[in-house]
């Protein structure tokens, strides 16, 4: 598949920072939203000043970073807690 550069030119100024998404985590979590949130949690856990991997994100920060609504975040968080990935 290819995308014509002339077609993407108008949206290029809108593109911000790219978010890494490990698709295998969506398979492990059995949902794309939980996999996306876990991908970001792994990213931030690796970059925190706290040696234990703890970090803090507000609902608004999650929305800005991965475009999940409050309801989607709550569902993903519940799934990740159930699977033992989040505390």
C-alpha atoms as a PDB file:
ATOM      1  CA  UNK A   1       0.000   0.000   0.000  1.00  0.00           C
ATOM      2  CA  UNK A   2       1.179   3.520  -0.707  1.00  0.00           C
ATOM      3  CA  UNK A   3      -0.135   6.929   0.165  1.00  0.00           C
ATOM      4  CA  UNK A   4       0.327   9.751  -2.275  1.00  0.00           C
ATOM      5  CA  UNK A   5       2.378  12.556  -0.689  1.00  0.00           C
ATOM      6  CA  UNK A   6       0.041  15.129  -2.238  1.00  0.00           C
ATOM      7  CA  UNK A   7      -2.855  13.540  -0.318  1.00  0.00           C
ATOM      8  CA  UNK A   8      -1.099  13.661   3.049  1.00  0.00           C
ATOM      9  CA  UNK A   9       0.394  17.121   2.682  1.00  0.00           C
ATOM     10  CA  UNK A  10      -2.649  18.934   4.167  1.00  0.00           C
ATOM     11  CA  UNK A  11      -2.596  16.810   7.331  1.00  0.00           C
ATOM     12  CA  UNK A  12       1.158  16.903   7.958  1.00  0.00           C
ATOM     13  CA  UNK A  13       0.983  20.125  10.044  1.00  0.00           C
ATOM     14  CA  UNK A  14      -1.558  18.405  12.316  1.00  0.00           C
ATOM     15  CA  UNK A  15       0.721  15.482  13.109  1.00  0.00           C
ATOM     16  CA  UNK A  16       2.297  15.631  16.517  1.00  0.00           C
ATOM     17  CA  UNK A  17       4.391  13.118  18.358  1.00  0.00           C
ATOM     18  CA  UNK A  18       3.943   9.538  17.202  1.00  0.00           C
ATOM     19  CA  UNK A  19       2.767   7.022  19.800  1.00  0.00           C
ATOM     20  CA  UNK A  20       4.273   3.524  19.779  1.00  0.00           C
ATOM     21  CA  UNK A  21       1.718   0.748  19.879  1.00  0.00           C
ATOM     22  CA  UNK A  22       2.716  -2.864  20.464  1.00  0.00           C
ATOM     23  CA  UNK A  23      -0.010  -4.820  18.684  1.00  0.00           C
ATOM     24  CA  UNK A  24       0.897  -7.977  20.573  1.00  0.00           C
ATOM     25  CA  UNK A  25      -0.337  -6.245  23.752  1.00  0.00           C
ATOM     26  CA  UNK A  26      -3.781  -5.840  22.183  1.00  0.00           C
ATOM     27  CA  UNK A  27      -3.768  -9.598  21.608  1.00  0.00           C
ATOM     28  CA  UNK A  28      -2.575 -10.292  25.170  1.00  0.00           C
ATOM     29  CA  UNK A  29      -5.223  -7.945  26.625  1.00  0.00           C
ATOM     30  CA  UNK A  30      -7.888  -9.078  24.146  1.00  0.00           C
ATOM     31  CA  UNK A  31      -8.805  -5.423  23.441  1.00  0.00           C
ATOM     32  CA  UNK A  32      -7.144  -2.706  21.393  1.00  0.00           C
ATOM     33  CA  UNK A  33      -7.859  -0.010  23.983  1.00  0.00           C
ATOM     34  CA  UNK A  34      -6.221  -1.952  26.817  1.00  0.00           C
ATOM     35  CA  UNK A  35      -3.292  -2.825  24.541  1.00  0.00           C
ATOM     36  CA  UNK A  36      -2.875   0.827  23.606  1.00  0.00           C
ATOM     37  CA  UNK A  37      -2.989   1.970  27.222  1.00  0.00           C
ATOM     38  CA  UNK A  38      -0.541  -0.761  28.257  1.00  0.00           C
ATOM     39  CA  UNK A  39       1.812   0.260  25.437  1.00  0.00           C
ATOM     40  CA  UNK A  40       1.857   3.815  26.801  1.00  0.00           C
ATOM     41  CA  UNK A  41       2.189   2.586  30.380  1.00  0.00           C
ATOM     42  CA  UNK A  42       5.269   0.564  29.376  1.00  0.00           C
ATOM     43  CA  UNK A  43       6.680   3.657  27.641  1.00  0.00           C
ATOM     44  CA  UNK A  44       6.207   5.898  30.698  1.00  0.00           C
ATOM     45  CA  UNK A  45       7.280   3.266  33.242  1.00  0.00           C
ATOM     46  CA  UNK A  46      10.616   3.053  31.448  1.00  0.00           C
ATOM     47  CA  UNK A  47      11.053   6.835  31.628  1.00  0.00           C
ATOM     48  CA  UNK A  48       9.980   7.674  35.170  1.00  0.00           C
ATOM     49  CA  UNK A  49      12.373   9.044  37.776  1.00  0.00           C
ATOM     50  CA  UNK A  50      10.924   6.520  40.222  1.00  0.00           C
ATOM     51  CA  UNK A  51      12.979   3.325  40.069  1.00  0.00           C
ATOM     52  CA  UNK A  52       9.881   1.186  40.611  1.00  0.00           C
ATOM     53  CA  UNK A  53       8.212   2.367  37.394  1.00  0.00           C
ATOM     54  CA  UNK A  54       5.399   4.350  39.031  1.00  0.00           C
ATOM     55  CA  UNK A  55       4.109   7.351  37.096  1.00  0.00           C
ATOM     56  CA  UNK A  56       1.027   9.588  37.213  1.00  0.00           C
ATOM     57  CA  UNK A  57      -1.225  10.589  34.310  1.00  0.00           C
ATOM     58  CA  UNK A  58      -4.496  12.473  34.471  1.00  0.00           C
ATOM     59  CA  UNK A  59      -7.509  11.472  32.418  1.00  0.00           C
ATOM     60  CA  UNK A  60      -6.862  14.518  30.235  1.00  0.00           C
ATOM     61  CA  UNK A  61      -3.230  13.514  29.657  1.00  0.00           C
ATOM     62  CA  UNK A  62      -4.281  10.008  28.607  1.00  0.00           C
ATOM     63  CA  UNK A  63      -6.851  11.562  26.253  1.00  0.00           C
ATOM     64  CA  UNK A  64      -4.252  13.849  24.697  1.00  0.00           C
ATOM     65  CA  UNK A  65      -1.705  11.064  24.252  1.00  0.00           C
ATOM     66  CA  UNK A  66      -3.800   8.141  23.041  1.00  0.00           C
ATOM     67  CA  UNK A  67      -7.221   9.655  22.252  1.00  0.00           C
ATOM     68  CA  UNK A  68      -9.242   7.421  24.539  1.00  0.00           C
ATOM     69  CA  UNK A  69     -12.440   8.767  26.082  1.00  0.00           C
ATOM     70  CA  UNK A  70     -12.967   8.603  29.841  1.00  0.00           C
ATOM     71  CA  UNK A  71     -15.176   5.534  29.392  1.00  0.00           C
ATOM     72  CA  UNK A  72     -12.580   3.805  27.189  1.00  0.00           C
ATOM     73  CA  UNK A  73      -9.862   4.579  29.742  1.00  0.00           C
ATOM     74  CA  UNK A  74     -11.959   3.192  32.594  1.00  0.00           C
ATOM     75  CA  UNK A  75     -12.672  -0.016  30.655  1.00  0.00           C
ATOM     76  CA  UNK A  76      -9.037  -0.426  29.620  1.00  0.00           C
ATOM     77  CA  UNK A  77      -7.826   0.240  33.171  1.00  0.00           C
ATOM     78  CA  UNK A  78     -10.268  -2.327  34.582  1.00  0.00           C
ATOM     79  CA  UNK A  79      -9.086  -4.906  32.048  1.00  0.00           C
ATOM     80  CA  UNK A  80      -5.414  -4.198  32.818  1.00  0.00           C
ATOM     81  CA  UNK A  81      -6.045  -4.505  36.561  1.00  0.00           C
ATOM     82  CA  UNK A  82      -7.921  -7.781  36.050  1.00  0.00           C
ATOM     83  CA  UNK A  83      -4.964  -9.132  34.022  1.00  0.00           C
ATOM     84  CA  UNK A  84      -2.512  -8.008  36.723  1.00  0.00           C
ATOM     85  CA  UNK A  85      -0.700  -5.352  34.668  1.00  0.00           C
ATOM     86  CA  UNK A  86      -1.830  -2.336  36.744  1.00  0.00           C
ATOM     87  CA  UNK A  87      -2.165  -1.691  40.436  1.00  0.00           C
END
